[in-house]
Amino acid sequence: MMSLKVTQTRSAIGSKPKQRGTLRALGLGRIGRTNLLPDRPEIRGMIAKVPHLITVEETDS
């Protein structure tokens, strides 16, 4: 099954509260923090809301 390795690369300071909430829902909160998430439409939608704050890599896990 495909997984997504999501890493926060920029600070959430100055971003909107909904975007900060999305980062928390993705399991992030600090620059450099990484989380492995399943490749599902719900996760892809959250990633689409904060592409300027994160980087995404696809992995096989």
N, C-alpha and C. Protein backbone atom coordinates (compact mmCIF):
# COMPACT_ATOMS: atom_id res chain seq x y z
N MET A 1 0.84 -1.18 0.00
CA MET A 1 0.00 0.00 0.00
C MET A 1 0.88 1.24 0.00
N MET A 2 0.45 2.23 -0.72
CA MET A 2 1.21 3.48 -0.82
C MET A 2 1.04 4.31 0.44
N SER A 3 2.12 4.96 0.83
CA SER A 3 2.10 5.87 1.97
C SER A 3 2.68 7.20 1.53
N LEU A 4 2.39 8.23 2.28
CA LEU A 4 2.92 9.56 2.01
C LEU A 4 3.78 9.99 3.18
N LYS A 5 5.00 10.38 2.90
CA LYS A 5 5.89 10.91 3.92
C LYS A 5 5.78 12.43 3.86
N VAL A 6 5.15 13.00 4.88
CA VAL A 6 4.87 14.43 4.90
C VAL A 6 5.80 15.09 5.91
N THR A 7 6.53 16.13 5.47
CA THR A 7 7.47 16.84 6.32
C THR A 7 7.13 18.32 6.32
N GLN A 8 7.09 18.92 7.50
CA GLN A 8 6.84 20.36 7.58
C GLN A 8 8.15 21.09 7.32
N THR A 9 8.14 22.01 6.35
CA THR A 9 9.36 22.72 5.97
C THR A 9 9.31 24.20 6.30
N ARG A 10 8.14 24.73 6.55
CA ARG A 10 8.03 26.15 6.89
C ARG A 10 7.19 26.33 8.14
N SER A 11 7.38 27.46 8.78
CA SER A 11 6.69 27.74 10.03
C SER A 11 5.21 28.06 9.78
N ALA A 12 4.39 27.74 10.79
CA ALA A 12 2.96 28.04 10.72
C ALA A 12 2.64 29.42 11.29
N ILE A 13 3.67 30.11 11.79
CA ILE A 13 3.45 31.47 12.32
C ILE A 13 2.99 32.36 11.17
N GLY A 14 1.92 33.08 11.39
CA GLY A 14 1.38 33.97 10.37
C GLY A 14 0.39 33.31 9.43
N SER A 15 0.23 32.01 9.53
CA SER A 15 -0.76 31.34 8.69
C SER A 15 -2.12 31.39 9.38
N LYS A 16 -3.14 31.08 8.63
CA LYS A 16 -4.50 31.15 9.16
C LYS A 16 -4.75 30.00 10.14
N PRO A 17 -5.67 30.21 11.08
CA PRO A 17 -5.95 29.16 12.08
C PRO A 17 -6.37 27.83 11.47
N LYS A 18 -7.11 27.85 10.38
CA LYS A 18 -7.52 26.59 9.74
C LYS A 18 -6.31 25.85 9.19
N GLN A 19 -5.33 26.59 8.68
CA GLN A 19 -4.13 25.94 8.17
C GLN A 19 -3.31 25.34 9.31
N ARG A 20 -3.24 26.02 10.43
CA ARG A 20 -2.53 25.47 11.60
C ARG A 20 -3.24 24.21 12.09
N GLY A 21 -4.57 24.22 12.06
CA GLY A 21 -5.33 23.03 12.44
C GLY A 21 -5.09 21.88 11.50
N THR A 22 -4.96 22.17 10.22
CA THR A 22 -4.67 21.13 9.23
C THR A 22 -3.31 20.50 9.49
N LEU A 23 -2.32 21.33 9.83
CA LEU A 23 -1.00 20.79 10.15
C LEU A 23 -1.08 19.87 11.36
N ARG A 24 -1.84 20.27 12.38
CA ARG A 24 -1.99 19.43 13.56
C ARG A 24 -2.68 18.13 13.21
N ALA A 25 -3.69 18.19 12.33
CA ALA A 25 -4.41 16.98 11.92
C ALA A 25 -3.49 16.03 11.13
N LEU A 26 -2.50 16.59 10.45
CA LEU A 26 -1.54 15.77 9.72
C LEU A 26 -0.45 15.21 10.64
N GLY A 27 -0.47 15.60 11.91
CA GLY A 27 0.51 15.11 12.86
C GLY A 27 1.79 15.92 12.86
N LEU A 28 1.72 17.15 12.37
CA LEU A 28 2.89 18.02 12.31
C LEU A 28 2.71 19.15 13.31
N GLY A 29 3.70 19.99 13.46
CA GLY A 29 3.58 21.10 14.38
C GLY A 29 4.87 21.88 14.53
N ARG A 30 5.97 21.28 14.08
CA ARG A 30 7.26 21.95 14.13
C ARG A 30 7.98 21.75 12.81
N ILE A 31 8.85 22.67 12.48
CA ILE A 31 9.64 22.54 11.27
C ILE A 31 10.53 21.30 11.41
N GLY A 32 10.57 20.49 10.38
CA GLY A 32 11.39 19.29 10.38
C GLY A 32 10.67 18.04 10.85
N ARG A 33 9.50 18.18 11.40
CA ARG A 33 8.76 17.01 11.87
C ARG A 33 8.19 16.26 10.67
N THR A 34 8.27 14.93 10.70
CA THR A 34 7.83 14.08 9.60
C THR A 34 6.80 13.09 10.10
N ASN A 35 5.83 12.78 9.25
CA ASN A 35 4.81 11.80 9.60
C ASN A 35 4.52 10.94 8.38
N LEU A 36 4.31 9.65 8.59
CA LEU A 36 3.97 8.71 7.53
C LEU A 36 2.46 8.50 7.56
N LEU A 37 1.79 8.83 6.47
CA LEU A 37 0.33 8.78 6.41
C LEU A 37 -0.12 7.91 5.24
N PRO A 38 -1.30 7.28 5.35
CA PRO A 38 -1.81 6.48 4.22
C PRO A 38 -2.22 7.40 3.06
N ASP A 39 -2.09 6.89 1.86
CA ASP A 39 -2.44 7.66 0.66
C ASP A 39 -3.94 7.52 0.41
N ARG A 40 -4.71 8.42 1.01
CA ARG A 40 -6.17 8.41 0.87
C ARG A 40 -6.64 9.80 0.43
N PRO A 41 -7.82 9.88 -0.16
CA PRO A 41 -8.32 11.18 -0.63
C PRO A 41 -8.43 12.23 0.48
N GLU A 42 -8.76 11.80 1.70
CA GLU A 42 -8.89 12.75 2.81
C GLU A 42 -7.55 13.40 3.13
N ILE A 43 -6.51 12.58 3.12
CA ILE A 43 -5.16 13.08 3.42
C ILE A 43 -4.69 13.98 2.28
N ARG A 44 -4.95 13.57 1.03
CA ARG A 44 -4.57 14.39 -0.12
C ARG A 44 -5.25 15.76 -0.07
N GLY A 45 -6.50 15.80 0.38
CA GLY A 45 -7.21 17.06 0.50
C GLY A 45 -6.58 17.97 1.54
N MET A 46 -6.16 17.39 2.68
CA MET A 46 -5.50 18.19 3.71
C MET A 46 -4.16 18.72 3.20
N ILE A 47 -3.44 17.88 2.46
CA ILE A 47 -2.15 18.30 1.91
C ILE A 47 -2.35 19.45 0.92
N ALA A 48 -3.44 19.41 0.16
CA ALA A 48 -3.71 20.46 -0.83
C ALA A 48 -3.99 21.81 -0.17
N LYS A 49 -4.38 21.81 1.11
CA LYS A 49 -4.66 23.06 1.82
C LYS A 49 -3.40 23.76 2.31
N VAL A 50 -2.31 23.03 2.48
CA VAL A 50 -1.08 23.63 3.03
C VAL A 50 0.17 23.25 2.23
N PRO A 51 0.13 23.32 0.90
CA PRO A 51 1.30 22.86 0.13
C PRO A 51 2.52 23.77 0.31
N HIS A 52 2.30 25.02 0.72
CA HIS A 52 3.40 25.96 0.88
C HIS A 52 4.15 25.75 2.20
N LEU A 53 3.63 24.90 3.08
CA LEU A 53 4.26 24.67 4.38
C LEU A 53 4.91 23.30 4.50
N ILE A 54 4.65 22.40 3.54
CA ILE A 54 5.11 21.01 3.66
C ILE A 54 5.75 20.51 2.38
N THR A 55 6.45 19.39 2.48
CA THR A 55 6.89 18.63 1.31
C THR A 55 6.35 17.21 1.46
N VAL A 56 6.06 16.58 0.33
CA VAL A 56 5.45 15.26 0.32
C VAL A 56 6.25 14.32 -0.56
N GLU A 57 6.52 13.11 -0.05
CA GLU A 57 7.16 12.06 -0.82
C GLU A 57 6.29 10.82 -0.77
N GLU A 58 6.18 10.12 -1.90
CA GLU A 58 5.43 8.87 -1.92
C GLU A 58 6.37 7.72 -1.61
N THR A 59 5.93 6.82 -0.75
CA THR A 59 6.74 5.66 -0.38
C THR A 59 5.88 4.40 -0.43
N ASP A 60 6.53 3.25 -0.55
CA ASP A 60 5.85 1.95 -0.49
C ASP A 60 6.00 1.40 0.92
N SER A 61 4.91 1.32 1.65
CA SER A 61 4.97 0.75 3.00
C SER A 61 3.71 -0.02 3.29
